[in-house]
Amino acid sequence: HGAGPEEQLARVEHYLDTYGNAFRAFLSLPDSHESDPEVFNSFEESYVGSYRHDREHVLANVTEYASVRDQILRLARDAGWTEDVVHINVDVLWDLTQSILFDIVDYQDEYHVFGK
């Protein structure tokens, strides 16, 4: 049988102490409830990381963005083009990343990333 309410609350408090804003951000997701005994496993299985409030930094850490950007810029230079000829639309990549790969929660000036 599952944990009682007091034990569940103690575990929630432990996770808040241990993971801080990352766990708070996770609890803000629509399917995450602190009363669900599986919330802890779900958090541990899906938590990717927390990153400074910079979309390019997040994308560089959780996607192939940096590698692809570098390859595109290298191709542009090889063709004799200046780097300002090519542009990666970070907003579109951000939206795709959020809709397909990750839940990204903007919380307390950080992005907290969770696998879908």
Protein backbone atom coordinates (compact mmCIF):
# COMPACT_ATOMS: atom_id res chain seq x y z
CA HIS A 1 0.00 0.00 0.00
CA GLY A 2 1.12 3.58 -0.62
CA ALA A 3 2.65 6.11 1.71
CA GLY A 4 0.45 8.01 4.11
CA PRO A 5 -0.05 11.75 3.73
CA GLU A 6 2.58 12.59 6.36
CA GLU A 7 5.19 10.39 4.68
CA GLN A 8 4.31 11.84 1.27
CA LEU A 9 4.65 15.39 2.62
CA ALA A 10 8.01 14.52 4.19
CA ARG A 11 9.25 13.17 0.84
CA VAL A 12 8.01 16.30 -0.97
CA GLU A 13 9.88 18.46 1.55
CA HIS A 14 13.01 16.31 1.10
CA TYR A 15 12.85 16.74 -2.68
CA LEU A 16 12.30 20.49 -2.31
CA ASP A 17 15.34 20.68 -0.02
CA THR A 18 17.42 18.51 -2.36
CA TYR A 19 16.37 19.78 -5.79
CA GLY A 20 14.94 23.21 -4.94
CA ASN A 21 13.56 25.15 -7.86
CA ALA A 22 13.92 22.22 -10.25
CA PHE A 23 11.40 20.21 -8.26
CA ARG A 24 9.17 23.27 -7.82
CA ALA A 25 9.24 23.75 -11.60
CA PHE A 26 8.38 20.08 -12.11
CA LEU A 27 5.39 20.39 -9.80
CA SER A 28 4.12 23.24 -11.97
CA LEU A 29 3.70 20.88 -14.95
CA PRO A 30 0.07 19.89 -15.60
CA ASP A 31 0.51 16.17 -14.89
CA SER A 32 2.69 16.55 -11.78
CA HIS A 33 1.02 16.52 -8.40
CA GLU A 34 2.76 16.47 -5.06
CA SER A 35 0.12 14.08 -3.73
CA ASP A 36 1.00 11.46 -6.39
CA PRO A 37 3.34 8.81 -4.93
CA GLU A 38 4.92 8.41 -8.38
CA VAL A 39 5.87 12.10 -8.62
CA PHE A 40 9.36 11.38 -7.30
CA ASN A 41 10.12 8.65 -9.84
CA SER A 42 8.64 10.79 -12.60
CA PHE A 43 10.86 13.70 -11.59
CA GLU A 44 14.02 11.59 -11.44
CA GLU A 45 13.29 9.93 -14.78
CA SER A 46 12.50 13.14 -16.65
CA TYR A 47 14.77 15.79 -15.10
CA VAL A 48 17.46 16.80 -17.59
CA GLY A 49 18.89 19.86 -15.88
CA SER A 50 18.57 23.50 -14.92
CA TYR A 51 20.23 26.21 -16.97
CA ARG A 52 20.81 29.93 -16.83
CA HIS A 53 18.14 32.07 -18.41
CA ASP A 54 19.56 31.96 -21.96
CA ARG A 55 17.76 30.00 -24.67
CA GLU A 56 20.88 29.38 -26.75
CA HIS A 57 22.68 28.04 -23.69
CA VAL A 58 19.80 25.63 -23.01
CA LEU A 59 19.64 24.51 -26.64
CA ALA A 60 23.41 23.97 -26.72
CA ASN A 61 23.11 21.71 -23.66
CA VAL A 62 20.06 19.65 -24.57
CA THR A 63 20.14 19.46 -28.39
CA GLU A 64 22.66 19.28 -31.21
CA TYR A 65 22.29 23.05 -31.71
CA ALA A 66 25.93 24.00 -31.08
CA SER A 67 27.29 21.27 -33.36
CA VAL A 68 24.87 22.06 -36.18
CA ARG A 69 25.48 25.81 -35.82
CA ASP A 70 29.25 25.26 -36.03
CA GLN A 71 28.88 23.04 -39.11
CA ILE A 72 26.66 25.59 -40.86
CA LEU A 73 29.08 28.41 -40.09
CA ARG A 74 32.00 26.30 -41.32
CA LEU A 75 30.16 25.60 -44.60
CA ALA A 76 29.43 29.31 -45.00
CA ARG A 77 33.09 30.22 -44.44
CA ASP A 78 34.20 27.47 -46.85
CA ALA A 79 31.90 28.99 -49.48
CA GLY A 80 33.49 32.39 -48.91
CA TRP A 81 30.44 33.81 -47.19
CA THR A 82 30.55 35.92 -44.06
CA GLU A 83 28.93 34.45 -40.98
CA ASP A 84 26.11 37.00 -41.07
CA VAL A 85 24.76 35.41 -44.29
CA VAL A 86 23.40 32.40 -42.38
CA HIS A 87 21.07 32.56 -39.43
CA ILE A 88 19.53 29.88 -37.23
CA ASN A 89 16.13 30.98 -35.99
CA VAL A 90 16.55 30.18 -32.30
CA ASP A 91 12.89 31.01 -31.57
CA VAL A 92 11.67 28.36 -34.03
CA LEU A 93 14.19 25.81 -32.73
CA TRP A 94 13.10 26.62 -29.15
CA ASP A 95 9.44 26.08 -30.02
CA LEU A 96 10.21 22.77 -31.78
CA THR A 97 12.33 21.60 -28.86
CA GLN A 98 9.52 22.36 -26.42
CA SER A 99 6.78 20.82 -28.53
CA ILE A 100 8.63 17.60 -29.38
CA LEU A 101 11.43 16.81 -26.94
CA PHE A 102 11.18 18.58 -23.62
CA ASP A 103 9.02 20.41 -21.14
CA ILE A 104 10.96 23.58 -20.39
CA VAL A 105 9.79 25.54 -17.37
CA ASP A 106 10.87 29.15 -16.90
CA TYR A 107 11.07 29.46 -13.11
CA GLN A 108 13.06 31.85 -10.92
CA ASP A 109 15.28 33.13 -13.75
CA GLU A 110 16.31 29.63 -14.82
CA TYR A 111 15.08 27.16 -17.39
CA HIS A 112 14.34 23.75 -15.93
CA VAL A 113 14.25 20.99 -18.54
CA PHE A 114 12.31 17.73 -18.34
CA GLY A 115 12.08 14.97 -20.93
CA LYS A 116 8.64 14.27 -22.33
